[in-house]
N, C-alpha and C. Protein backbone atom coordinates (compact mmCIF):
# COMPACT_ATOMS: atom_id res chain seq x y z
N MET A 1 0.81 -1.17 -0.08
CA MET A 1 0.03 0.06 0.00
C MET A 1 0.95 1.18 0.02
N ARG A 2 0.50 2.22 -0.78
CA ARG A 2 1.29 3.44 -0.91
C ARG A 2 0.70 4.55 0.09
N TYR A 3 1.52 5.17 0.79
CA TYR A 3 0.97 6.25 1.77
C TYR A 3 1.73 7.58 1.45
N TYR A 4 1.13 8.68 1.57
CA TYR A 4 1.77 9.92 1.42
C TYR A 4 1.82 10.65 2.87
N VAL A 5 3.06 10.91 3.28
CA VAL A 5 3.28 11.30 4.69
C VAL A 5 3.87 12.77 4.75
N SER A 6 3.28 13.68 5.45
CA SER A 6 3.74 14.94 5.69
C SER A 6 3.99 15.25 7.11
N LEU A 7 5.19 15.57 7.50
CA LEU A 7 5.53 15.88 8.93
C LEU A 7 5.20 17.31 9.17
N ASP A 8 4.45 17.60 10.33
CA ASP A 8 4.01 18.95 10.60
C ASP A 8 3.39 19.57 9.36
N PRO A 9 2.33 19.05 8.91
CA PRO A 9 1.85 19.27 7.56
C PRO A 9 1.73 20.76 7.20
N ASP A 10 2.20 21.01 6.02
CA ASP A 10 2.13 22.33 5.33
C ASP A 10 1.46 21.99 4.13
N PRO A 11 0.24 22.55 3.80
CA PRO A 11 -0.53 22.29 2.64
C PRO A 11 0.27 22.32 1.30
N GLN A 12 1.35 23.20 1.40
CA GLN A 12 2.04 23.37 0.05
C GLN A 12 3.21 22.42 -0.05
N ALA A 13 3.59 21.78 1.00
CA ALA A 13 4.80 20.91 1.02
C ALA A 13 4.52 19.63 0.28
N LYS A 14 5.55 19.13 -0.34
CA LYS A 14 5.48 17.83 -1.09
C LYS A 14 5.71 16.67 -0.08
N PRO A 15 4.62 15.77 0.01
CA PRO A 15 4.68 14.64 1.02
C PRO A 15 5.80 13.64 0.54
N THR A 16 6.31 12.88 1.55
CA THR A 16 7.15 11.74 1.42
C THR A 16 6.29 10.51 1.08
N VAL A 17 6.68 9.78 0.00
CA VAL A 17 5.91 8.61 -0.45
C VAL A 17 6.57 7.41 0.34
N VAL A 18 5.67 6.70 0.98
CA VAL A 18 6.07 5.47 1.71
C VAL A 18 5.28 4.39 1.18
N GLU A 19 6.01 3.34 0.75
CA GLU A 19 5.30 2.07 0.26
C GLU A 19 5.56 0.94 1.23
N LEU A 20 4.51 0.32 1.70
CA LEU A 20 4.62 -0.82 2.62
C LEU A 20 3.97 -1.99 1.88
N VAL A 21 4.70 -3.14 2.09
CA VAL A 21 4.14 -4.45 1.54
C VAL A 21 4.31 -5.40 2.70
N GLU A 22 3.24 -6.06 3.04
CA GLU A 22 3.26 -7.10 4.12
C GLU A 22 3.62 -8.46 3.39
N LEU A 23 4.77 -9.09 3.86
CA LEU A 23 5.24 -10.28 3.29
C LEU A 23 4.48 -11.49 3.82
N PRO A 24 4.48 -12.62 3.14
CA PRO A 24 3.79 -13.80 3.69
C PRO A 24 4.16 -14.17 5.18
N ASN A 25 5.43 -13.93 5.54
CA ASN A 25 5.81 -14.25 6.87
C ASN A 25 5.46 -13.17 7.91
N GLY A 26 4.71 -12.13 7.61
CA GLY A 26 4.30 -11.05 8.46
C GLY A 26 5.19 -9.93 8.54
N GLU A 27 6.35 -9.93 7.98
CA GLU A 27 7.39 -8.85 7.97
C GLU A 27 6.87 -7.81 7.04
N LEU A 28 7.38 -6.51 7.24
CA LEU A 28 7.03 -5.44 6.37
C LEU A 28 8.22 -5.14 5.41
N GLN A 29 7.96 -4.87 4.17
CA GLN A 29 8.98 -4.44 3.30
C GLN A 29 8.63 -2.94 3.02
N ALA A 30 9.60 -2.06 3.13
CA ALA A 30 9.32 -0.60 3.03
C ALA A 30 10.28 0.03 2.05
N ARG A 31 9.67 1.08 1.30
CA ARG A 31 10.48 1.99 0.51
C ARG A 31 9.98 3.40 0.84
N VAL A 32 10.97 4.29 1.06
CA VAL A 32 10.72 5.72 1.29
C VAL A 32 11.23 6.49 0.12
N ASP A 33 10.38 7.15 -0.61
CA ASP A 33 10.68 7.89 -1.80
C ASP A 33 11.58 6.98 -2.74
N GLU A 34 11.06 5.75 -2.98
CA GLU A 34 11.79 4.81 -3.90
C GLU A 34 13.04 4.17 -3.34
N ARG A 35 13.44 4.58 -2.12
CA ARG A 35 14.64 3.93 -1.43
C ARG A 35 14.21 2.84 -0.51
N PRO A 36 14.91 1.65 -0.70
CA PRO A 36 14.54 0.57 0.28
C PRO A 36 14.95 0.89 1.62
N VAL A 37 14.15 0.60 2.61
CA VAL A 37 14.39 0.86 4.09
C VAL A 37 14.13 -0.43 4.86
N GLU A 38 15.06 -0.71 5.77
CA GLU A 38 14.90 -1.93 6.59
C GLU A 38 14.01 -1.47 7.77
N LEU A 39 12.97 -2.20 7.97
CA LEU A 39 11.92 -1.77 8.94
C LEU A 39 11.49 -3.00 9.74
N ASP A 40 11.32 -2.74 10.99
CA ASP A 40 10.81 -3.82 11.97
C ASP A 40 9.92 -3.06 12.95
N VAL A 41 8.66 -3.54 13.17
CA VAL A 41 7.73 -2.82 14.03
C VAL A 41 7.16 -3.73 15.14
N ALA A 42 7.11 -3.26 16.33
CA ALA A 42 6.62 -4.00 17.46
C ALA A 42 5.63 -3.09 18.18
N TYR A 43 4.47 -3.67 18.51
CA TYR A 43 3.40 -2.92 19.16
C TYR A 43 3.49 -3.30 20.64
N LEU A 44 3.61 -2.36 21.51
CA LEU A 44 3.81 -2.50 22.93
C LEU A 44 2.70 -1.70 23.62
N GLY A 45 1.57 -2.26 23.62
CA GLY A 45 0.43 -1.58 24.28
C GLY A 45 0.06 -0.35 23.43
N THR A 46 0.23 0.85 24.13
CA THR A 46 -0.15 2.11 23.44
C THR A 46 1.07 2.65 22.73
N GLN A 47 2.30 2.03 22.89
CA GLN A 47 3.45 2.55 22.17
C GLN A 47 3.81 1.57 21.06
N ILE A 48 4.48 2.13 20.09
CA ILE A 48 4.94 1.35 18.90
C ILE A 48 6.47 1.50 18.88
N SER A 49 7.19 0.45 18.87
CA SER A 49 8.65 0.47 18.78
C SER A 49 9.06 0.05 17.38
N VAL A 50 9.74 1.04 16.74
CA VAL A 50 10.02 0.86 15.31
C VAL A 50 11.56 0.91 15.15
N ARG A 51 12.12 -0.04 14.37
CA ARG A 51 13.53 -0.07 14.01
C ARG A 51 13.56 0.26 12.47
N VAL A 52 14.20 1.48 12.16
CA VAL A 52 14.30 1.92 10.88
C VAL A 52 15.81 2.01 10.43
N ASP A 53 16.17 1.13 9.55
CA ASP A 53 17.60 1.17 9.11
C ASP A 53 18.48 1.00 10.35
N GLY A 54 18.12 0.15 11.35
CA GLY A 54 18.98 -0.20 12.46
C GLY A 54 18.82 0.82 13.60
N ARG A 55 18.07 1.89 13.43
CA ARG A 55 17.85 2.87 14.49
C ARG A 55 16.50 2.69 15.21
N MET A 56 16.55 2.60 16.52
CA MET A 56 15.23 2.31 17.27
C MET A 56 14.55 3.72 17.56
N VAL A 57 13.30 3.68 17.48
CA VAL A 57 12.44 4.82 17.83
C VAL A 57 11.17 4.29 18.56
N ASP A 58 10.95 4.83 19.67
CA ASP A 58 9.63 4.53 20.38
C ASP A 58 8.70 5.62 20.12
N LEU A 59 7.48 5.24 19.62
CA LEU A 59 6.46 6.18 19.20
C LEU A 59 5.23 6.05 20.07
N THR A 60 4.55 7.11 20.50
CA THR A 60 3.20 7.10 20.98
C THR A 60 2.46 7.94 20.02
N THR A 61 1.31 7.41 19.57
CA THR A 61 0.56 8.06 18.56
C THR A 61 -0.99 8.43 19.13
N GLU A 62 -1.47 9.37 18.60
CA GLU A 62 -2.84 9.78 19.03
C GLU A 62 -3.59 10.29 17.75
N GLY A 63 -4.91 10.15 17.84
CA GLY A 63 -5.71 10.57 16.75
C GLY A 63 -5.77 9.48 15.70
N SER A 64 -6.44 9.66 14.55
CA SER A 64 -6.56 8.60 13.60
C SER A 64 -6.24 9.27 12.19
N PRO A 65 -5.79 8.50 11.30
CA PRO A 65 -5.47 9.04 10.00
C PRO A 65 -6.75 9.73 9.35
N PRO A 66 -6.51 10.82 8.58
CA PRO A 66 -5.20 11.17 8.14
C PRO A 66 -4.30 12.14 9.04
N GLU A 67 -4.99 12.64 10.05
CA GLU A 67 -4.28 13.62 11.02
C GLU A 67 -3.86 12.78 12.22
N VAL A 68 -2.59 12.66 12.45
CA VAL A 68 -2.08 11.85 13.56
C VAL A 68 -1.01 12.71 14.28
N GLY A 69 -1.11 12.62 15.66
CA GLY A 69 -0.09 13.19 16.42
C GLY A 69 0.83 12.16 16.89
N ALA A 70 2.07 12.41 17.04
CA ALA A 70 3.09 11.37 17.33
C ALA A 70 4.13 12.06 18.32
N VAL A 71 4.53 11.24 19.33
CA VAL A 71 5.57 11.70 20.21
C VAL A 71 6.71 10.68 20.03
N ALA A 72 7.88 11.13 19.70
CA ALA A 72 9.05 10.29 19.53
C ALA A 72 10.22 10.98 20.10
N SER A 73 10.86 10.17 21.14
CA SER A 73 12.02 10.79 21.92
C SER A 73 11.68 12.06 22.54
N GLY A 74 10.41 12.26 23.08
CA GLY A 74 10.03 13.46 23.74
C GLY A 74 9.69 14.65 22.82
N HIS A 75 9.73 14.44 21.51
CA HIS A 75 9.37 15.53 20.53
C HIS A 75 8.10 15.19 19.95
N ARG A 76 7.11 16.16 19.95
CA ARG A 76 5.74 15.96 19.42
C ARG A 76 5.67 16.58 18.00
N SER A 77 5.15 15.89 17.09
CA SER A 77 4.87 16.33 15.66
C SER A 77 3.46 15.88 15.27
N TYR A 78 3.06 16.54 14.31
CA TYR A 78 1.81 16.28 13.65
C TYR A 78 2.07 15.75 12.35
N ILE A 79 1.49 14.64 11.93
CA ILE A 79 1.71 13.97 10.77
C ILE A 79 0.51 13.72 9.94
N ARG A 80 0.52 14.04 8.69
CA ARG A 80 -0.65 13.72 7.81
C ARG A 80 -0.25 12.47 7.07
N VAL A 81 -1.07 11.42 7.23
CA VAL A 81 -0.88 10.13 6.52
C VAL A 81 -2.07 9.84 5.74
N GLU A 82 -1.87 9.80 4.38
CA GLU A 82 -2.94 9.58 3.46
C GLU A 82 -2.63 8.35 2.61
N SER A 83 -3.56 7.38 2.58
CA SER A 83 -3.34 6.23 1.68
C SER A 83 -3.81 6.76 0.30
N GLU A 84 -3.48 5.91 -0.70
CA GLU A 84 -3.87 6.21 -2.03
C GLU A 84 -5.36 6.37 -2.21
N ARG A 85 -6.09 5.60 -1.56
CA ARG A 85 -7.58 5.53 -1.58
C ARG A 85 -8.13 6.77 -0.91
N LEU A 86 -7.55 7.10 0.23
CA LEU A 86 -8.04 8.33 0.96
C LEU A 86 -7.74 9.63 0.07
N ARG A 87 -6.62 9.62 -0.51
CA ARG A 87 -6.18 10.71 -1.36
C ARG A 87 -7.09 10.95 -2.55
N ALA A 88 -7.42 9.86 -3.21
CA ALA A 88 -8.34 9.85 -4.29
C ALA A 88 -9.80 10.28 -3.85
N ALA A 89 -10.31 9.89 -2.74
CA ALA A 89 -11.57 10.18 -2.29
C ALA A 89 -11.59 11.68 -1.91
N GLU A 90 -10.48 12.20 -1.34
CA GLU A 90 -10.48 13.68 -0.99
C GLU A 90 -10.36 14.52 -2.21
N GLN A 91 -9.64 14.06 -3.29
CA GLN A 91 -9.51 14.78 -4.52
C GLN A 91 -10.88 14.85 -5.14
N ALA A 92 -11.58 13.74 -5.13
CA ALA A 92 -12.97 13.67 -5.79
C ALA A 92 -13.91 14.59 -5.02
N LYS A 93 -13.78 14.68 -3.64
CA LYS A 93 -14.67 15.57 -2.88
C LYS A 93 -14.33 16.99 -3.15
N LYS A 94 -12.97 17.32 -3.28
CA LYS A 94 -12.63 18.73 -3.65
C LYS A 94 -13.17 19.12 -4.98
N SER A 95 -12.97 18.27 -5.98
CA SER A 95 -13.36 18.65 -7.34
C SER A 95 -14.91 18.74 -7.46
N SER A 96 -15.64 18.17 -6.53
CA SER A 96 -17.11 18.26 -6.53
C SER A 96 -17.62 19.48 -5.64
N GLY A 97 -16.66 20.31 -5.15
CA GLY A 97 -16.99 21.41 -4.35
C GLY A 97 -17.24 21.13 -2.99
N GLY A 98 -16.70 20.04 -2.31
CA GLY A 98 -17.02 19.58 -0.99
C GLY A 98 -16.51 20.65 0.06
N GLY A 99 -15.30 21.09 -0.10
CA GLY A 99 -14.82 22.19 0.91
C GLY A 99 -14.63 21.59 2.33
N GLY A 100 -14.23 20.42 2.48
CA GLY A 100 -14.03 19.72 3.79
C GLY A 100 -13.08 20.39 4.68
N ASP A 101 -12.02 21.08 4.16
CA ASP A 101 -10.99 21.74 4.91
C ASP A 101 -11.60 23.03 5.54
N ARG A 102 -12.72 23.45 5.19
CA ARG A 102 -13.30 24.65 5.79
C ARG A 102 -13.91 24.37 7.14
N VAL A 103 -14.13 23.12 7.50
CA VAL A 103 -14.59 22.81 8.89
C VAL A 103 -13.33 22.12 9.63
N VAL A 104 -12.79 22.86 10.62
CA VAL A 104 -11.63 22.31 11.17
C VAL A 104 -12.07 21.53 12.41
N LYS A 105 -11.60 20.29 12.47
CA LYS A 105 -12.01 19.27 13.45
C LYS A 105 -10.85 18.94 14.41
N SER A 106 -11.22 18.48 15.59
CA SER A 106 -10.24 18.09 16.57
C SER A 106 -9.46 16.85 16.20
N PRO A 107 -8.10 16.89 16.12
CA PRO A 107 -7.38 15.75 15.61
C PRO A 107 -7.33 14.65 16.72
N MET A 108 -7.75 14.85 17.98
CA MET A 108 -7.69 13.99 19.14
C MET A 108 -8.66 14.50 20.17
N PRO A 109 -8.99 13.70 21.10
CA PRO A 109 -9.71 14.12 22.24
C PRO A 109 -8.88 14.94 23.11
N GLY A 110 -9.42 15.97 23.79
CA GLY A 110 -8.64 16.78 24.70
C GLY A 110 -9.46 17.93 25.25
N ARG A 111 -8.80 18.96 25.79
CA ARG A 111 -9.46 20.09 26.40
C ARG A 111 -8.93 21.40 25.65
N VAL A 112 -9.87 22.30 25.36
CA VAL A 112 -9.46 23.45 24.71
C VAL A 112 -8.85 24.47 25.70
N VAL A 113 -7.63 24.81 25.54
CA VAL A 113 -6.88 25.66 26.54
C VAL A 113 -7.11 27.07 26.16
N LYS A 114 -7.10 27.45 24.85
CA LYS A 114 -7.16 28.81 24.37
C LYS A 114 -7.76 28.82 22.99
N VAL A 115 -8.58 29.75 22.75
CA VAL A 115 -9.21 30.07 21.40
C VAL A 115 -8.42 31.25 20.85
N LEU A 116 -7.82 31.16 19.72
CA LEU A 116 -6.97 32.25 19.24
C LEU A 116 -7.65 33.08 18.17
N VAL A 117 -8.84 32.73 17.76
CA VAL A 117 -9.62 33.45 16.72
C VAL A 117 -11.03 33.69 17.22
N SER A 118 -11.78 34.57 16.60
CA SER A 118 -13.15 34.75 16.88
C SER A 118 -13.83 35.01 15.47
N LYS A 119 -15.17 34.99 15.54
CA LYS A 119 -15.99 35.08 14.37
C LYS A 119 -15.61 36.40 13.61
N GLY A 120 -15.45 36.28 12.34
CA GLY A 120 -15.13 37.47 11.54
C GLY A 120 -13.64 37.56 11.28
N ASP A 121 -12.75 36.99 12.06
CA ASP A 121 -11.35 37.07 11.86
C ASP A 121 -10.93 36.54 10.56
N ILE A 122 -9.97 37.07 9.87
CA ILE A 122 -9.35 36.57 8.57
C ILE A 122 -8.14 35.80 9.03
N VAL A 123 -8.08 34.53 8.52
CA VAL A 123 -6.95 33.62 8.79
C VAL A 123 -6.24 33.17 7.61
N ALA A 124 -4.93 32.94 7.74
CA ALA A 124 -4.19 32.39 6.67
C ALA A 124 -3.84 31.06 6.82
N VAL A 125 -3.40 30.36 5.75
CA VAL A 125 -2.97 28.96 5.84
C VAL A 125 -1.84 28.83 6.87
N GLY A 126 -2.09 27.87 7.78
CA GLY A 126 -1.07 27.51 8.71
C GLY A 126 -1.17 28.39 10.06
N GLN A 127 -2.11 29.27 10.11
CA GLN A 127 -2.31 30.14 11.31
C GLN A 127 -2.95 29.36 12.40
N GLY A 128 -2.51 29.59 13.67
CA GLY A 128 -3.12 28.90 14.80
C GLY A 128 -4.52 29.31 14.99
N LEU A 129 -5.41 28.42 15.25
CA LEU A 129 -6.85 28.77 15.56
C LEU A 129 -7.21 28.53 16.92
N LEU A 130 -6.53 27.52 17.59
CA LEU A 130 -6.85 27.38 19.06
C LEU A 130 -5.76 26.32 19.60
N VAL A 131 -5.62 26.28 20.89
CA VAL A 131 -4.71 25.35 21.57
C VAL A 131 -5.48 24.27 22.25
N LEU A 132 -5.13 23.06 22.04
CA LEU A 132 -5.76 21.82 22.57
C LEU A 132 -4.81 21.11 23.35
N GLU A 133 -5.18 20.81 24.62
CA GLU A 133 -4.37 19.92 25.51
C GLU A 133 -4.80 18.54 25.46
N ALA A 134 -3.82 17.68 25.17
CA ALA A 134 -4.11 16.22 25.21
C ALA A 134 -2.90 15.51 25.75
N MET A 135 -3.03 14.57 26.57
CA MET A 135 -1.93 13.78 27.17
C MET A 135 -0.95 14.78 27.81
N LYS A 136 -1.36 15.83 28.52
CA LYS A 136 -0.60 16.80 29.31
C LYS A 136 0.33 17.61 28.35
N MET A 137 0.07 17.70 27.02
CA MET A 137 0.78 18.43 26.12
C MET A 137 -0.15 19.36 25.31
N GLU A 138 0.30 20.63 25.21
CA GLU A 138 -0.54 21.60 24.48
C GLU A 138 -0.17 21.49 22.91
N ASN A 139 -1.15 21.51 22.11
CA ASN A 139 -1.09 21.36 20.74
C ASN A 139 -1.80 22.52 20.02
N GLU A 140 -1.21 23.20 19.08
CA GLU A 140 -1.82 24.19 18.37
C GLU A 140 -2.48 23.64 17.19
N VAL A 141 -3.78 23.90 17.06
CA VAL A 141 -4.59 23.51 15.83
C VAL A 141 -4.48 24.49 14.88
N LYS A 142 -4.08 24.31 13.60
CA LYS A 142 -3.80 25.30 12.59
C LYS A 142 -4.77 25.12 11.45
N ALA A 143 -5.00 26.29 10.66
CA ALA A 143 -5.93 26.35 9.58
C ALA A 143 -5.15 25.63 8.37
N LYS A 144 -5.81 24.86 7.66
CA LYS A 144 -5.33 24.24 6.46
C LYS A 144 -5.65 25.00 5.18
N VAL A 145 -6.58 25.93 5.25
CA VAL A 145 -6.88 26.84 4.28
C VAL A 145 -7.11 28.20 4.84
N GLY A 146 -6.97 29.21 4.03
CA GLY A 146 -7.22 30.61 4.44
C GLY A 146 -8.67 30.91 4.41
N GLY A 147 -9.09 31.90 5.03
CA GLY A 147 -10.51 32.37 4.84
C GLY A 147 -10.94 33.22 6.10
N THR A 148 -12.23 33.42 6.24
CA THR A 148 -12.80 34.17 7.31
C THR A 148 -13.46 33.21 8.31
N VAL A 149 -13.35 33.47 9.59
CA VAL A 149 -13.91 32.58 10.60
C VAL A 149 -15.41 32.82 10.56
N ALA A 150 -16.24 31.79 10.20
CA ALA A 150 -17.63 31.92 10.18
C ALA A 150 -18.22 31.64 11.47
N ALA A 151 -17.63 30.64 12.21
CA ALA A 151 -18.11 30.21 13.56
C ALA A 151 -17.08 29.50 14.32
N VAL A 152 -17.01 29.76 15.62
CA VAL A 152 -16.20 29.06 16.60
C VAL A 152 -17.13 28.20 17.36
N HIS A 153 -16.95 26.93 17.35
CA HIS A 153 -17.88 25.98 17.91
C HIS A 153 -17.54 25.57 19.35
N VAL A 154 -16.46 26.03 19.88
CA VAL A 154 -15.91 25.59 21.24
C VAL A 154 -15.40 26.90 22.01
N ALA A 155 -15.33 26.67 23.34
CA ALA A 155 -14.76 27.73 24.21
C ALA A 155 -13.69 27.32 25.01
N ALA A 156 -12.82 28.19 25.57
CA ALA A 156 -11.75 27.72 26.37
C ALA A 156 -12.29 26.91 27.50
N GLY A 157 -11.68 25.78 27.92
CA GLY A 157 -12.06 24.92 28.98
C GLY A 157 -12.96 23.75 28.54
N ALA A 158 -13.47 23.83 27.37
CA ALA A 158 -14.29 22.79 26.81
C ALA A 158 -13.64 21.49 26.59
N ALA A 159 -14.21 20.39 26.81
CA ALA A 159 -13.65 19.06 26.63
C ALA A 159 -14.15 18.73 25.24
N VAL A 160 -13.35 18.14 24.33
CA VAL A 160 -13.81 17.76 23.03
C VAL A 160 -13.32 16.35 22.66
N GLU A 161 -14.16 15.70 21.89
CA GLU A 161 -13.82 14.35 21.49
C GLU A 161 -12.98 14.54 20.17
N GLY A 162 -12.36 13.42 19.71
CA GLY A 162 -11.68 13.46 18.41
C GLY A 162 -12.69 13.59 17.34
N ASN A 163 -12.32 14.42 16.25
CA ASN A 163 -13.09 14.67 15.17
C ASN A 163 -14.32 15.72 15.45
N ALA A 164 -14.18 16.32 16.73
CA ALA A 164 -15.40 17.24 17.02
C ALA A 164 -15.13 18.50 16.23
N LYS A 165 -16.23 19.15 15.75
CA LYS A 165 -16.13 20.50 15.02
C LYS A 165 -15.58 21.58 15.98
N LEU A 166 -14.51 22.24 15.50
CA LEU A 166 -13.90 23.26 16.30
C LEU A 166 -14.20 24.65 15.82
N VAL A 167 -13.82 24.88 14.52
CA VAL A 167 -13.96 26.25 13.84
C VAL A 167 -14.50 25.86 12.34
N THR A 168 -15.38 26.81 11.90
CA THR A 168 -15.74 26.80 10.47
C THR A 168 -15.24 28.02 9.80
N LEU A 169 -14.57 27.83 8.66
CA LEU A 169 -14.08 28.99 7.83
C LEU A 169 -14.92 29.11 6.59
N GLU A 170 -15.03 30.33 6.04
CA GLU A 170 -15.74 30.50 4.85
C GLU A 170 -14.85 31.22 3.85
């Protein structure tokens, strides 16, 4: 299966292409941007231990694709992981005028610490909209598209579930 991966996603950035093939013995064969990569994955409860080209990395992930939060070696990153199927479905939705990026949803369950915008504000791509606390870490939720804030659906202190509507842009 082919995946398109963007670290700390910037809508303009070119994603890394990751191809994974599960072999009959259960091992994974991986290629990153056409380069073969030695890969071994072990699931340890809520953590994932990954050996990539001989280097060990312990990961904790949160959220669900395509927007995933990951903590590796104490560093938090946001990763956008799209399968070929998801990418095709999103492209079809965009070409039919879906505008799915106009509704900003929570990438994970958490608590709203601070709302950085209000109705009527003009926001740019990548601008922070609010701060969400999850797993004792604060995460800034950013706009994927520019526009005007049509509605803010949460307030500071509110608890939200993953995929909850946070802000609508027009």
